[in-house]
Protein backbone atom coordinates (compact mmCIF):
# COMPACT_ATOMS: atom_id res chain seq x y z
CA MET A 1 93.35 101.15 111.68
CA LYS A 2 94.48 99.05 108.71
CA LEU A 3 95.84 102.22 107.07
CA VAL A 4 98.15 103.24 109.89
CA PRO A 5 101.05 100.93 108.90
CA PHE A 6 101.03 102.45 105.41
CA MET A 7 101.19 106.06 106.56
CA ALA A 8 104.21 108.14 107.49
CA PHE A 9 103.87 111.04 109.86
CA ALA A 10 106.31 113.85 110.50
CA PRO A 11 107.22 114.73 114.08
CA PRO A 12 105.39 117.77 115.51
CA GLY A 13 106.68 120.98 113.99
CA ALA A 14 108.54 119.21 111.17
CA THR A 15 105.85 119.59 108.54
CA SER A 16 105.47 122.50 106.16
CA LEU A 17 101.72 121.97 105.80
CA SER A 18 99.54 124.89 106.75
CA ALA A 19 96.52 122.61 107.21
CA PRO A 20 96.08 118.86 107.66
CA ILE A 21 95.11 116.62 104.76
CA VAL A 22 92.18 114.38 105.67
CA TYR A 23 90.77 111.63 103.49
CA SER A 24 88.50 108.66 103.89
CA ILE A 25 87.96 105.78 101.50
CA SER A 26 84.87 103.77 100.62
CA PHE A 27 84.47 100.75 98.37
CA ASP A 28 81.74 99.53 96.05
CA ALA A 29 81.67 96.08 94.43
CA PRO A 30 78.13 94.68 94.47
CA GLY A 31 78.03 91.04 95.42
CA ALA A 32 81.69 90.80 96.38
CA ASP A 33 82.78 88.21 98.92
CA HIS A 34 85.82 90.35 99.80
CA TRP A 35 86.21 94.06 99.17
CA PRO A 36 89.38 95.65 97.82
CA ASP A 37 92.03 96.15 100.45
CA PHE A 38 94.93 98.56 100.65
CA VAL A 39 98.22 97.37 99.24
CA ARG A 40 99.78 100.85 99.16
CA VAL A 41 98.53 104.10 100.66
CA PRO A 42 100.58 107.20 99.88
CA ALA A 43 102.43 108.74 102.78
CA ALA A 44 101.31 112.14 104.02
CA ARG A 45 104.49 113.74 102.61
CA GLU A 46 103.71 112.30 99.15
CA LEU A 47 100.20 113.72 99.24
CA ALA A 48 101.37 117.07 100.57
CA SER A 49 103.84 117.40 97.69
CA LEU A 50 100.96 117.30 95.19
CA TRP A 51 98.82 120.08 96.68
CA PRO A 52 99.41 123.70 95.70
CA PRO A 53 100.32 125.77 98.80
CA GLY A 54 97.38 127.58 100.34
CA THR A 55 94.78 125.58 98.43
CA THR A 56 91.85 124.41 100.53
CA GLY A 57 88.69 122.54 99.69
CA ALA A 58 87.34 119.06 99.21
CA VAL A 59 87.31 116.72 96.23
CA SER A 60 85.88 113.20 95.93
CA VAL A 61 87.52 111.02 93.32
CA GLY A 62 85.92 107.85 92.00
CA CYS A 63 88.06 105.18 90.34
CA ARG A 64 87.70 101.69 88.97
CA VAL A 65 89.93 99.10 90.63
CA PRO A 66 90.57 96.37 88.06
CA GLN A 67 92.21 93.04 88.83
CA SER A 68 95.65 94.70 88.68
CA GLY A 69 94.76 96.81 91.76
CA ILE A 70 95.95 99.98 90.03
CA PRO A 71 93.13 102.54 90.08
CA ASP A 72 92.08 103.77 86.66
CA LEU A 73 89.25 105.62 84.95
CA CYS A 74 89.38 108.12 87.80
CA GLU A 75 87.12 111.15 87.77
CA VAL A 76 86.31 113.97 90.12
CA LEU A 77 82.86 113.35 91.56
CA ALA A 78 82.15 116.13 94.01
CA PRO A 79 84.45 119.13 94.22
CA THR A 80 83.55 121.74 96.82
CA ASN A 81 86.33 123.94 95.49
CA PRO A 82 86.34 124.09 91.68
CA SER A 83 90.05 124.96 91.56
CA PRO A 84 91.66 123.11 88.63
CA GLU A 85 94.86 122.76 90.67
CA LEU A 86 92.96 121.02 93.45
CA THR A 87 91.19 118.56 91.17
CA THR A 88 94.41 117.81 89.29
CA ALA A 89 96.21 117.15 92.58
CA ALA A 90 93.50 114.74 93.75
CA LEU A 91 93.59 112.83 90.46
CA ARG A 92 97.38 112.63 90.61
CA ALA A 93 97.17 111.35 94.20
CA MET A 94 95.02 108.42 93.12
CA ALA A 95 97.88 107.17 90.93
CA LEU A 96 99.83 106.57 94.17
CA PHE A 97 97.25 104.18 95.69
CA ARG A 98 97.30 100.41 95.13
CA PHE A 99 94.54 97.98 96.10
CA SER A 100 93.99 94.26 96.14
CA PRO A 101 91.08 93.40 93.86
CA ALA A 102 87.60 92.56 95.06
CA ILE A 103 86.82 88.84 95.11
CA ARG A 104 83.58 87.12 94.16
CA GLY A 105 83.32 83.33 94.08
CA GLY A 106 87.08 82.97 94.41
CA ARG A 107 87.75 85.16 91.37
CA SER A 108 89.06 88.71 91.12
CA ILE A 109 86.48 91.23 89.98
CA GLU A 110 86.48 94.94 89.23
CA ALA A 111 85.27 97.28 91.93
CA ASN A 112 84.84 101.01 92.37
CA VAL A 113 86.37 103.12 95.10
CA ILE A 114 85.52 106.65 96.12
CA VAL A 115 88.20 108.63 97.91
CA PRO A 116 87.18 111.97 99.42
CA PHE A 117 90.13 114.32 99.96
CA ASN A 118 89.66 117.24 102.36
CA PHE A 119 92.44 119.74 102.67
């Protein structure tokens, strides 16, 4: 529910997508008092612009979230469609996300996020 304010949805029939884009996000920062939180989540139209038309499959992307909140060191973890276009699109999409850093003992720490994209 925290993501909804960050997302933009087109009215019914106004989208050119042939299939919905579905993604979920998980976080990993052992021993954190507070996990990373979303500062910016790309709108559906931004994500749709990255995907080659007619491409379907699933890709999980893992990234480090440093204190800046800008994901880096991203890599494809689990593609179910080995299409290079699909993996490139997922990696490019991660550049659009922003996170608050994880916190441990009142200090910002690095954390890892895994974002599965299904489209």
